[in-house]
């Protein structure tokens, strides 16, 4: 599983022809969810080729090989969708793969620990880091004005959040 990348999760069935709505976990949904691409679905990593793909309100709606009925699609609810990690894909400067940021330590400009990145949410234009902090999860916008230094190799992000942002965006554990 180390060479597999999470690109989304099946939210639910859509319609009665076996289509599914996907919650995307990738910065490149147009590339990851296009006809002909192969996804590894669920804990058993079953290969499913995308037959049809369209987007509704930014979310992919997919028809997958072998999923023909609403019941088939409903059985996939919650299933993770993975792909093989492409070797050294190049990205524009200042952009990162979600999987490269997950696990990075986040510190403030004084070196004080804020926490570790557990997820990246949102679209490429409006991403935010989900950081496991001492008091619970904290959401930090992934913008250059706040995330001043991102060193994927050292697994470290230096953030300069405006005063009150960490308290405002804190999500306490239940």
N, C-alpha and C. Protein backbone atom coordinates (compact mmCIF):
# COMPACT_ATOMS: atom_id res chain seq x y z
N UNK A 1 0.82 -1.20 0.00
CA UNK A 1 0.00 0.00 0.00
C UNK A 1 0.86 1.26 0.00
N UNK A 2 2.17 1.16 0.29
CA UNK A 2 3.01 2.35 0.34
C UNK A 2 3.11 3.06 -1.00
N UNK A 3 2.99 2.33 -2.10
CA UNK A 3 3.10 2.97 -3.41
C UNK A 3 1.74 3.33 -3.99
N UNK A 4 0.69 3.26 -3.16
CA UNK A 4 -0.66 3.63 -3.60
C UNK A 4 -1.05 4.97 -2.99
N UNK A 5 -1.78 5.75 -3.77
CA UNK A 5 -2.19 7.08 -3.34
C UNK A 5 -3.71 7.12 -3.26
N UNK A 6 -4.23 7.62 -2.15
CA UNK A 6 -5.67 7.80 -1.98
C UNK A 6 -6.09 8.99 -2.83
N UNK A 7 -7.07 8.77 -3.74
CA UNK A 7 -7.55 9.85 -4.60
C UNK A 7 -9.01 10.21 -4.32
N UNK A 8 -9.70 9.39 -3.53
CA UNK A 8 -11.08 9.70 -3.21
C UNK A 8 -11.76 8.59 -2.43
N UNK A 9 -13.01 8.88 -2.06
CA UNK A 9 -13.85 7.91 -1.36
C UNK A 9 -15.23 7.95 -1.99
N UNK A 10 -15.85 6.79 -2.11
CA UNK A 10 -17.21 6.75 -2.64
C UNK A 10 -18.14 7.32 -1.58
N UNK A 11 -18.89 8.35 -1.96
CA UNK A 11 -19.84 8.96 -1.02
C UNK A 11 -21.13 8.15 -0.97
N UNK A 12 -21.67 7.88 -2.18
CA UNK A 12 -22.94 7.15 -2.25
C UNK A 12 -23.25 6.80 -3.69
N UNK A 13 -24.29 6.00 -3.86
CA UNK A 13 -24.78 5.67 -5.21
C UNK A 13 -25.44 6.90 -5.81
N UNK A 14 -25.46 6.92 -7.14
CA UNK A 14 -26.12 8.03 -7.85
C UNK A 14 -26.97 7.43 -8.96
N UNK A 15 -28.26 7.63 -8.88
CA UNK A 15 -29.16 7.10 -9.90
C UNK A 15 -29.32 5.60 -9.78
N UNK A 16 -29.87 4.99 -10.83
CA UNK A 16 -30.16 3.55 -10.77
C UNK A 16 -29.35 2.75 -11.79
N UNK A 17 -28.29 3.37 -12.35
CA UNK A 17 -27.48 2.66 -13.34
C UNK A 17 -26.10 2.28 -12.81
N UNK A 18 -25.93 2.27 -11.48
CA UNK A 18 -24.67 1.83 -10.90
C UNK A 18 -23.60 2.90 -10.81
N UNK A 19 -23.97 4.15 -10.94
CA UNK A 19 -22.98 5.22 -10.82
C UNK A 19 -22.77 5.58 -9.35
N UNK A 20 -21.60 6.17 -9.07
CA UNK A 20 -21.28 6.59 -7.70
C UNK A 20 -20.81 8.03 -7.70
N UNK A 21 -21.10 8.72 -6.60
CA UNK A 21 -20.57 10.06 -6.36
C UNK A 21 -19.33 9.90 -5.49
N UNK A 22 -18.28 10.63 -5.85
CA UNK A 22 -17.00 10.49 -5.17
C UNK A 22 -16.65 11.79 -4.44
N UNK A 23 -16.15 11.65 -3.22
CA UNK A 23 -15.54 12.76 -2.51
C UNK A 23 -14.05 12.71 -2.86
N UNK A 24 -13.61 13.67 -3.63
CA UNK A 24 -12.25 13.67 -4.16
C UNK A 24 -11.22 14.02 -3.09
N UNK A 25 -10.10 13.31 -3.10
CA UNK A 25 -8.96 13.60 -2.23
C UNK A 25 -7.72 13.87 -3.06
N UNK A 26 -7.90 14.46 -4.23
CA UNK A 26 -6.78 14.72 -5.11
C UNK A 26 -6.87 16.15 -5.64
N UNK A 27 -5.72 16.72 -5.91
CA UNK A 27 -5.68 18.04 -6.52
C UNK A 27 -5.95 17.99 -8.02
N UNK A 28 -6.02 16.80 -8.57
CA UNK A 28 -6.14 16.64 -10.02
C UNK A 28 -7.33 15.76 -10.40
N UNK A 29 -8.54 16.15 -9.99
CA UNK A 29 -9.70 15.28 -10.25
C UNK A 29 -9.95 15.06 -11.74
N UNK A 30 -9.69 16.06 -12.57
CA UNK A 30 -9.91 15.90 -14.01
C UNK A 30 -9.01 14.82 -14.61
N UNK A 31 -7.82 14.65 -14.05
CA UNK A 31 -6.90 13.62 -14.54
C UNK A 31 -7.17 12.27 -13.89
N UNK A 32 -7.44 12.28 -12.60
CA UNK A 32 -7.62 11.02 -11.87
C UNK A 32 -8.94 10.32 -12.20
N UNK A 33 -9.97 11.11 -12.51
CA UNK A 33 -11.31 10.55 -12.72
C UNK A 33 -11.77 10.79 -14.16
N UNK A 34 -11.09 10.17 -15.10
CA UNK A 34 -11.51 10.27 -16.50
C UNK A 34 -11.67 8.87 -17.07
N UNK A 35 -12.52 8.74 -18.07
CA UNK A 35 -12.76 7.42 -18.67
C UNK A 35 -11.44 6.76 -19.09
N UNK A 36 -11.35 5.47 -18.78
CA UNK A 36 -10.16 4.70 -19.12
C UNK A 36 -9.19 4.52 -17.96
N UNK A 37 -9.24 5.43 -16.99
CA UNK A 37 -8.35 5.31 -15.83
C UNK A 37 -8.79 4.13 -14.97
N UNK A 38 -7.84 3.50 -14.30
CA UNK A 38 -8.12 2.36 -13.43
C UNK A 38 -7.95 2.79 -11.98
N UNK A 39 -8.97 2.49 -11.18
CA UNK A 39 -8.94 2.76 -9.74
C UNK A 39 -8.86 1.44 -9.00
N UNK A 40 -8.19 1.45 -7.86
CA UNK A 40 -8.16 0.31 -6.96
C UNK A 40 -9.16 0.61 -5.85
N UNK A 41 -10.20 -0.21 -5.76
CA UNK A 41 -11.37 0.10 -4.94
C UNK A 41 -11.43 -0.78 -3.70
N UNK A 42 -11.66 -0.12 -2.55
CA UNK A 42 -11.92 -0.82 -1.31
C UNK A 42 -10.71 -1.47 -0.70
N UNK A 43 -10.93 -2.16 0.41
CA UNK A 43 -9.81 -2.78 1.14
C UNK A 43 -9.14 -3.91 0.36
N UNK A 44 -9.90 -4.54 -0.58
CA UNK A 44 -9.30 -5.62 -1.36
C UNK A 44 -8.64 -5.12 -2.64
N UNK A 45 -8.69 -3.78 -2.88
CA UNK A 45 -8.04 -3.13 -4.02
C UNK A 45 -8.46 -3.74 -5.36
N UNK A 46 -9.75 -3.93 -5.52
CA UNK A 46 -10.29 -4.46 -6.78
C UNK A 46 -10.11 -3.43 -7.88
N UNK A 47 -9.53 -3.85 -8.99
CA UNK A 47 -9.34 -2.94 -10.13
C UNK A 47 -10.67 -2.67 -10.81
N UNK A 48 -11.00 -1.40 -10.99
CA UNK A 48 -12.21 -0.99 -11.68
C UNK A 48 -11.85 0.13 -12.66
N UNK A 49 -12.11 -0.10 -13.93
CA UNK A 49 -11.87 0.91 -14.95
C UNK A 49 -13.05 1.87 -14.99
N UNK A 50 -12.75 3.16 -15.16
CA UNK A 50 -13.80 4.17 -15.25
C UNK A 50 -14.37 4.14 -16.67
N UNK A 51 -15.67 3.83 -16.79
CA UNK A 51 -16.36 3.83 -18.09
C UNK A 51 -16.81 5.22 -18.49
N UNK A 52 -17.38 5.92 -17.54
CA UNK A 52 -17.91 7.26 -17.77
C UNK A 52 -17.57 8.11 -16.55
N UNK A 53 -17.35 9.41 -16.82
CA UNK A 53 -17.08 10.34 -15.73
C UNK A 53 -17.65 11.71 -16.10
N UNK A 54 -18.25 12.33 -15.11
CA UNK A 54 -18.70 13.71 -15.25
C UNK A 54 -18.62 14.34 -13.87
N UNK A 55 -18.73 15.65 -13.86
CA UNK A 55 -18.64 16.36 -12.59
C UNK A 55 -19.91 17.14 -12.35
N UNK A 56 -20.38 17.08 -11.10
CA UNK A 56 -21.56 17.83 -10.69
C UNK A 56 -21.20 18.57 -9.41
N UNK A 57 -21.24 19.90 -9.46
CA UNK A 57 -20.86 20.74 -8.32
C UNK A 57 -19.46 20.38 -7.83
N UNK A 58 -18.57 20.09 -8.77
CA UNK A 58 -17.18 19.81 -8.44
C UNK A 58 -16.89 18.39 -7.99
N UNK A 59 -17.91 17.55 -7.86
CA UNK A 59 -17.70 16.18 -7.41
C UNK A 59 -17.82 15.22 -8.59
N UNK A 60 -16.89 14.27 -8.69
CA UNK A 60 -16.97 13.29 -9.77
C UNK A 60 -18.15 12.33 -9.58
N UNK A 61 -18.82 12.04 -10.69
CA UNK A 61 -19.83 10.98 -10.74
C UNK A 61 -19.29 9.98 -11.74
N UNK A 62 -19.07 8.74 -11.27
CA UNK A 62 -18.38 7.74 -12.07
C UNK A 62 -19.25 6.52 -12.34
N UNK A 63 -19.07 5.96 -13.54
CA UNK A 63 -19.58 4.63 -13.87
C UNK A 63 -18.34 3.74 -13.96
N UNK A 64 -18.31 2.69 -13.16
CA UNK A 64 -17.15 1.80 -13.08
C UNK A 64 -17.47 0.44 -13.68
N UNK A 65 -16.48 -0.16 -14.34
CA UNK A 65 -16.67 -1.52 -14.85
C UNK A 65 -17.06 -2.46 -13.72
N UNK A 66 -18.04 -3.31 -13.97
CA UNK A 66 -18.47 -4.31 -12.99
C UNK A 66 -19.49 -3.79 -11.99
N UNK A 67 -19.80 -2.51 -12.03
CA UNK A 67 -20.80 -1.93 -11.12
C UNK A 67 -21.96 -1.50 -12.02
N UNK A 68 -22.99 -2.33 -12.06
CA UNK A 68 -24.06 -2.13 -13.05
C UNK A 68 -25.39 -1.67 -12.46
N UNK A 69 -25.61 -1.94 -11.17
CA UNK A 69 -26.91 -1.64 -10.58
C UNK A 69 -26.76 -0.69 -9.39
N UNK A 70 -27.89 -0.15 -8.95
CA UNK A 70 -27.88 0.69 -7.77
C UNK A 70 -27.38 -0.08 -6.55
N UNK A 71 -27.76 -1.35 -6.44
CA UNK A 71 -27.29 -2.17 -5.31
C UNK A 71 -25.77 -2.33 -5.34
N UNK A 72 -25.21 -2.56 -6.54
CA UNK A 72 -23.75 -2.66 -6.67
C UNK A 72 -23.10 -1.37 -6.18
N UNK A 73 -23.65 -0.23 -6.62
CA UNK A 73 -23.09 1.07 -6.26
C UNK A 73 -23.23 1.34 -4.77
N UNK A 74 -24.38 1.01 -4.20
CA UNK A 74 -24.60 1.23 -2.76
C UNK A 74 -23.61 0.43 -1.92
N UNK A 75 -23.21 -0.73 -2.40
CA UNK A 75 -22.25 -1.57 -1.67
C UNK A 75 -20.87 -0.92 -1.60
N UNK A 76 -20.60 0.04 -2.48
CA UNK A 76 -19.30 0.71 -2.48
C UNK A 76 -19.24 1.94 -1.58
N UNK A 77 -20.35 2.34 -0.99
CA UNK A 77 -20.37 3.53 -0.14
C UNK A 77 -19.27 3.46 0.92
N UNK A 78 -18.46 4.49 0.97
CA UNK A 78 -17.36 4.55 1.94
C UNK A 78 -16.06 3.94 1.46
N UNK A 79 -16.09 3.26 0.31
CA UNK A 79 -14.87 2.60 -0.18
C UNK A 79 -13.83 3.63 -0.61
N UNK A 80 -12.58 3.36 -0.25
CA UNK A 80 -11.49 4.21 -0.68
C UNK A 80 -11.12 3.89 -2.11
N UNK A 81 -10.71 4.92 -2.85
CA UNK A 81 -10.27 4.77 -4.24
C UNK A 81 -8.80 5.16 -4.28
N UNK A 82 -7.98 4.26 -4.80
CA UNK A 82 -6.53 4.48 -4.83
C UNK A 82 -6.00 4.29 -6.25
N UNK A 83 -4.84 4.87 -6.50
CA UNK A 83 -4.11 4.67 -7.74
C UNK A 83 -2.65 4.45 -7.39
N UNK A 84 -1.90 3.86 -8.32
CA UNK A 84 -0.47 3.69 -8.12
C UNK A 84 0.18 5.06 -8.19
N UNK A 85 1.12 5.30 -7.31
CA UNK A 85 1.83 6.57 -7.30
C UNK A 85 2.68 6.68 -8.55
N UNK A 86 2.51 7.74 -9.30
CA UNK A 86 3.30 7.95 -10.52
C UNK A 86 4.71 8.37 -10.13
N UNK A 87 5.71 7.85 -10.83
CA UNK A 87 7.08 8.22 -10.48
C UNK A 87 7.38 9.68 -10.85
N UNK A 88 7.76 10.44 -9.85
CA UNK A 88 8.27 11.80 -10.02
C UNK A 88 7.46 12.66 -10.99
N UNK A 89 6.15 12.71 -10.79
CA UNK A 89 5.34 13.63 -11.59
C UNK A 89 5.78 15.05 -11.24
N UNK A 90 5.86 15.91 -12.23
CA UNK A 90 6.27 17.27 -11.95
C UNK A 90 5.04 18.14 -11.69
N UNK A 91 5.22 19.09 -10.81
CA UNK A 91 4.14 20.00 -10.42
C UNK A 91 4.62 21.44 -10.61
N UNK A 92 3.69 22.34 -10.83
CA UNK A 92 4.08 23.75 -10.85
C UNK A 92 4.66 24.15 -9.49
N UNK A 93 5.54 25.12 -9.49
CA UNK A 93 6.16 25.58 -8.25
C UNK A 93 5.07 26.03 -7.27
N UNK A 94 5.25 25.68 -6.01
CA UNK A 94 4.31 26.08 -4.98
C UNK A 94 3.11 25.16 -4.84
N UNK A 95 3.08 24.06 -5.60
CA UNK A 95 2.01 23.08 -5.46
C UNK A 95 2.61 21.75 -5.02
N UNK A 96 1.79 20.98 -4.31
CA UNK A 96 2.28 19.74 -3.72
C UNK A 96 1.22 18.66 -3.83
N UNK A 97 1.65 17.42 -3.89
CA UNK A 97 0.72 16.32 -3.80
C UNK A 97 0.25 16.22 -2.35
N UNK A 98 -1.04 15.91 -2.17
CA UNK A 98 -1.57 15.75 -0.80
C UNK A 98 -0.73 14.75 -0.02
N UNK A 99 -0.39 13.63 -0.65
CA UNK A 99 0.33 12.58 0.08
C UNK A 99 1.72 13.04 0.52
N UNK A 100 2.29 14.05 -0.13
CA UNK A 100 3.58 14.57 0.30
C UNK A 100 3.46 15.44 1.56
N UNK A 101 2.29 16.04 1.75
CA UNK A 101 2.10 16.93 2.91
C UNK A 101 1.64 16.18 4.15
N UNK A 102 0.92 15.07 3.94
CA UNK A 102 0.43 14.29 5.09
C UNK A 102 1.61 13.71 5.85
N UNK A 103 1.61 13.95 7.15
CA UNK A 103 2.70 13.49 8.01
C UNK A 103 3.74 14.57 8.28
N UNK A 104 3.69 15.69 7.57
CA UNK A 104 4.63 16.78 7.84
C UNK A 104 4.33 17.41 9.20
N UNK A 105 5.38 17.80 9.92
CA UNK A 105 5.22 18.54 11.16
C UNK A 105 5.01 20.00 10.82
N UNK A 106 4.07 20.64 11.51
CA UNK A 106 3.80 22.06 11.32
C UNK A 106 4.27 22.79 12.57
N UNK A 107 5.11 23.81 12.35
CA UNK A 107 5.61 24.63 13.45
C UNK A 107 5.34 26.09 13.12
N UNK A 108 5.31 26.92 14.17
CA UNK A 108 5.15 28.35 13.91
C UNK A 108 6.52 28.96 13.61
N UNK A 109 6.56 30.25 13.37
CA UNK A 109 7.81 30.90 12.99
C UNK A 109 8.83 30.94 14.12
N UNK A 110 8.41 30.61 15.33
CA UNK A 110 9.33 30.55 16.48
C UNK A 110 9.78 29.11 16.75
N UNK A 111 9.35 28.18 15.92
CA UNK A 111 9.74 26.78 16.08
C UNK A 111 8.85 25.99 17.01
N UNK A 112 7.77 26.61 17.53
CA UNK A 112 6.84 25.91 18.42
C UNK A 112 5.96 24.97 17.60
N UNK A 113 5.80 23.75 18.07
CA UNK A 113 5.00 22.76 17.36
C UNK A 113 3.52 23.14 17.36
N UNK A 114 2.90 23.05 16.19
CA UNK A 114 1.45 23.21 16.07
C UNK A 114 0.82 21.83 15.98
N UNK A 115 1.47 20.91 15.28
CA UNK A 115 0.98 19.54 15.14
C UNK A 115 1.46 18.91 13.86
N UNK A 116 0.84 17.79 13.49
CA UNK A 116 1.21 17.06 12.28
C UNK A 116 0.03 17.04 11.32
N UNK A 117 0.33 17.16 10.03
CA UNK A 117 -0.72 17.15 9.00
C UNK A 117 -1.29 15.74 8.90
N UNK A 118 -2.61 15.63 9.05
CA UNK A 118 -3.27 14.32 8.92
C UNK A 118 -4.07 14.22 7.62
N UNK A 119 -4.39 15.37 7.02
CA UNK A 119 -5.15 15.35 5.77
C UNK A 119 -5.03 16.72 5.11
N UNK A 120 -5.39 16.76 3.84
CA UNK A 120 -5.50 18.01 3.10
C UNK A 120 -6.92 18.03 2.53
N UNK A 121 -7.66 19.09 2.81
CA UNK A 121 -9.04 19.20 2.35
C UNK A 121 -9.17 20.33 1.34
N UNK A 122 -10.21 20.26 0.54
CA UNK A 122 -10.52 21.34 -0.38
C UNK A 122 -9.93 21.14 -1.76
N UNK A 123 -10.13 22.13 -2.59
CA UNK A 123 -9.65 22.10 -3.96
C UNK A 123 -8.25 22.70 -4.03
N UNK A 124 -7.63 22.59 -5.21
CA UNK A 124 -6.29 23.14 -5.37
C UNK A 124 -6.29 24.65 -5.06
N UNK A 125 -7.36 25.33 -5.44
CA UNK A 125 -7.42 26.78 -5.24
C UNK A 125 -7.71 27.15 -3.80
N UNK A 126 -8.32 26.25 -3.03
CA UNK A 126 -8.72 26.58 -1.66
C UNK A 126 -8.43 25.41 -0.71
N UNK A 127 -7.19 24.95 -0.69
CA UNK A 127 -6.82 23.83 0.17
C UNK A 127 -6.56 24.30 1.59
N UNK A 128 -6.76 23.39 2.52
CA UNK A 128 -6.42 23.65 3.91
C UNK A 128 -5.83 22.38 4.51
N UNK A 129 -4.89 22.59 5.41
CA UNK A 129 -4.26 21.47 6.11
C UNK A 129 -5.10 21.12 7.32
N UNK A 130 -5.29 19.84 7.55
CA UNK A 130 -5.90 19.36 8.79
C UNK A 130 -4.73 18.91 9.65
N UNK A 131 -4.55 19.60 10.77
CA UNK A 131 -3.39 19.38 11.62
C UNK A 131 -3.85 18.85 12.97
N UNK A 132 -3.28 17.73 13.40
CA UNK A 132 -3.57 17.17 14.72
C UNK A 132 -2.73 17.93 15.73
N UNK A 133 -3.38 18.81 16.49
CA UNK A 133 -2.70 19.62 17.49
C UNK A 133 -2.91 19.08 18.88
N UNK A 134 -2.33 19.73 19.84
CA UNK A 134 -2.42 19.28 21.24
C UNK A 134 -3.85 19.35 21.76
N UNK A 135 -4.67 20.29 21.24
CA UNK A 135 -6.04 20.47 21.74
C UNK A 135 -7.08 19.93 20.77
N UNK A 136 -6.68 19.26 19.72
CA UNK A 136 -7.60 18.74 18.71
C UNK A 136 -7.14 19.12 17.32
N UNK A 137 -8.00 18.91 16.35
CA UNK A 137 -7.67 19.25 14.96
C UNK A 137 -7.74 20.75 14.73
N UNK A 138 -6.81 21.23 13.93
CA UNK A 138 -6.78 22.64 13.55
C UNK A 138 -6.74 22.70 12.03
N UNK A 139 -7.52 23.61 11.45
CA UNK A 139 -7.51 23.82 10.01
C UNK A 139 -6.66 25.04 9.69
N UNK A 140 -5.70 24.84 8.78
CA UNK A 140 -4.80 25.93 8.40
C UNK A 140 -4.87 26.10 6.89
N UNK A 141 -5.28 27.28 6.42
CA UNK A 141 -5.32 27.49 4.97
C UNK A 141 -3.94 27.27 4.35
N UNK A 142 -3.91 26.58 3.23
CA UNK A 142 -2.66 26.28 2.54
C UNK A 142 -2.39 27.39 1.52
N UNK A 143 -1.96 28.53 2.04
CA UNK A 143 -1.64 29.68 1.21
C UNK A 143 -0.25 30.19 1.60
N UNK A 144 0.45 30.79 0.65
CA UNK A 144 1.82 31.23 0.87
C UNK A 144 1.94 32.24 2.00
N UNK A 145 0.92 33.07 2.20
CA UNK A 145 0.98 34.08 3.26
C UNK A 145 0.97 33.46 4.66
N UNK A 146 0.46 32.23 4.78
CA UNK A 146 0.41 31.56 6.09
C UNK A 146 1.43 30.42 6.16
N UNK A 147 1.43 29.55 5.15
CA UNK A 147 2.40 28.44 5.10
C UNK A 147 3.64 28.96 4.37
N UNK A 148 4.51 29.58 5.12
CA UNK A 148 5.62 30.34 4.56
C UNK A 148 6.73 29.46 4.00
N UNK A 149 6.90 28.29 4.58
CA UNK A 149 7.96 27.39 4.13
C UNK A 149 7.43 25.96 4.16
N UNK A 150 7.52 25.29 3.02
CA UNK A 150 7.11 23.88 2.95
C UNK A 150 8.30 23.10 2.45
N UNK A 151 8.83 22.25 3.32
CA UNK A 151 9.99 21.43 2.99
C UNK A 151 9.57 19.97 3.07
N UNK A 152 9.14 19.43 1.92
CA UNK A 152 8.63 18.06 1.88
C UNK A 152 9.73 17.07 2.26
N UNK A 153 10.95 17.31 1.82
CA UNK A 153 12.06 16.40 2.11
C UNK A 153 12.32 16.30 3.61
N UNK A 154 12.22 17.42 4.32
CA UNK A 154 12.43 17.42 5.78
C UNK A 154 11.15 17.16 6.55
N UNK A 155 10.00 17.06 5.80
CA UNK A 155 8.69 16.77 6.41
C UNK A 155 8.33 17.87 7.40
N UNK A 156 8.50 19.14 6.98
CA UNK A 156 8.30 20.28 7.88
C UNK A 156 7.63 21.43 7.13
N UNK A 157 6.66 22.05 7.80
CA UNK A 157 5.97 23.22 7.28
C UNK A 157 6.06 24.30 8.36
N UNK A 158 6.54 25.49 7.97
CA UNK A 158 6.59 26.62 8.88
C UNK A 158 5.40 27.51 8.55
N UNK A 159 4.56 27.72 9.55
CA UNK A 159 3.34 28.51 9.35
C UNK A 159 3.37 29.77 10.21
N UNK A 160 2.78 30.83 9.67
CA UNK A 160 2.63 32.09 10.40
C UNK A 160 1.16 32.47 10.37
N UNK A 161 0.35 31.75 11.18
CA UNK A 161 -1.09 32.03 11.15
C UNK A 161 -1.41 33.36 11.80
N UNK A 162 -2.36 34.11 11.22
CA UNK A 162 -2.78 35.35 11.87
C UNK A 162 -3.29 35.07 13.29
N UNK A 163 -3.18 36.08 14.14
CA UNK A 163 -3.61 35.92 15.53
C UNK A 163 -5.06 35.45 15.60
N UNK A 164 -5.32 34.40 16.36
CA UNK A 164 -6.66 33.88 16.56
C UNK A 164 -7.08 32.80 15.57
N UNK A 165 -6.33 32.62 14.46
CA UNK A 165 -6.73 31.65 13.43
C UNK A 165 -6.76 30.22 13.98
N UNK A 166 -5.76 29.85 14.76
CA UNK A 166 -5.71 28.48 15.26
C UNK A 166 -6.87 28.20 16.20
N UNK A 167 -7.22 29.16 17.06
CA UNK A 167 -8.36 28.97 17.95
C UNK A 167 -9.67 28.96 17.18
N UNK A 168 -9.79 29.82 16.18
CA UNK A 168 -11.00 29.90 15.38
C UNK A 168 -11.25 28.62 14.58
N UNK A 169 -10.18 28.02 14.06
CA UNK A 169 -10.31 26.85 13.19
C UNK A 169 -10.11 25.53 13.91
N UNK A 170 -10.13 25.55 15.21
CA UNK A 170 -9.93 24.33 15.98
C UNK A 170 -11.21 23.47 15.97
N UNK A 171 -11.02 22.18 15.70
CA UNK A 171 -12.13 21.21 15.80
C UNK A 171 -11.79 20.23 16.91
N UNK A 172 -12.49 20.34 18.00
CA UNK A 172 -12.19 19.47 19.14
C UNK A 172 -12.66 18.03 18.87
N UNK A 173 -11.87 17.10 19.40
CA UNK A 173 -12.23 15.67 19.28
C UNK A 173 -13.48 15.41 20.12
N UNK A 174 -14.38 14.53 19.63
CA UNK A 174 -15.61 14.24 20.38
C UNK A 174 -15.33 13.51 21.68
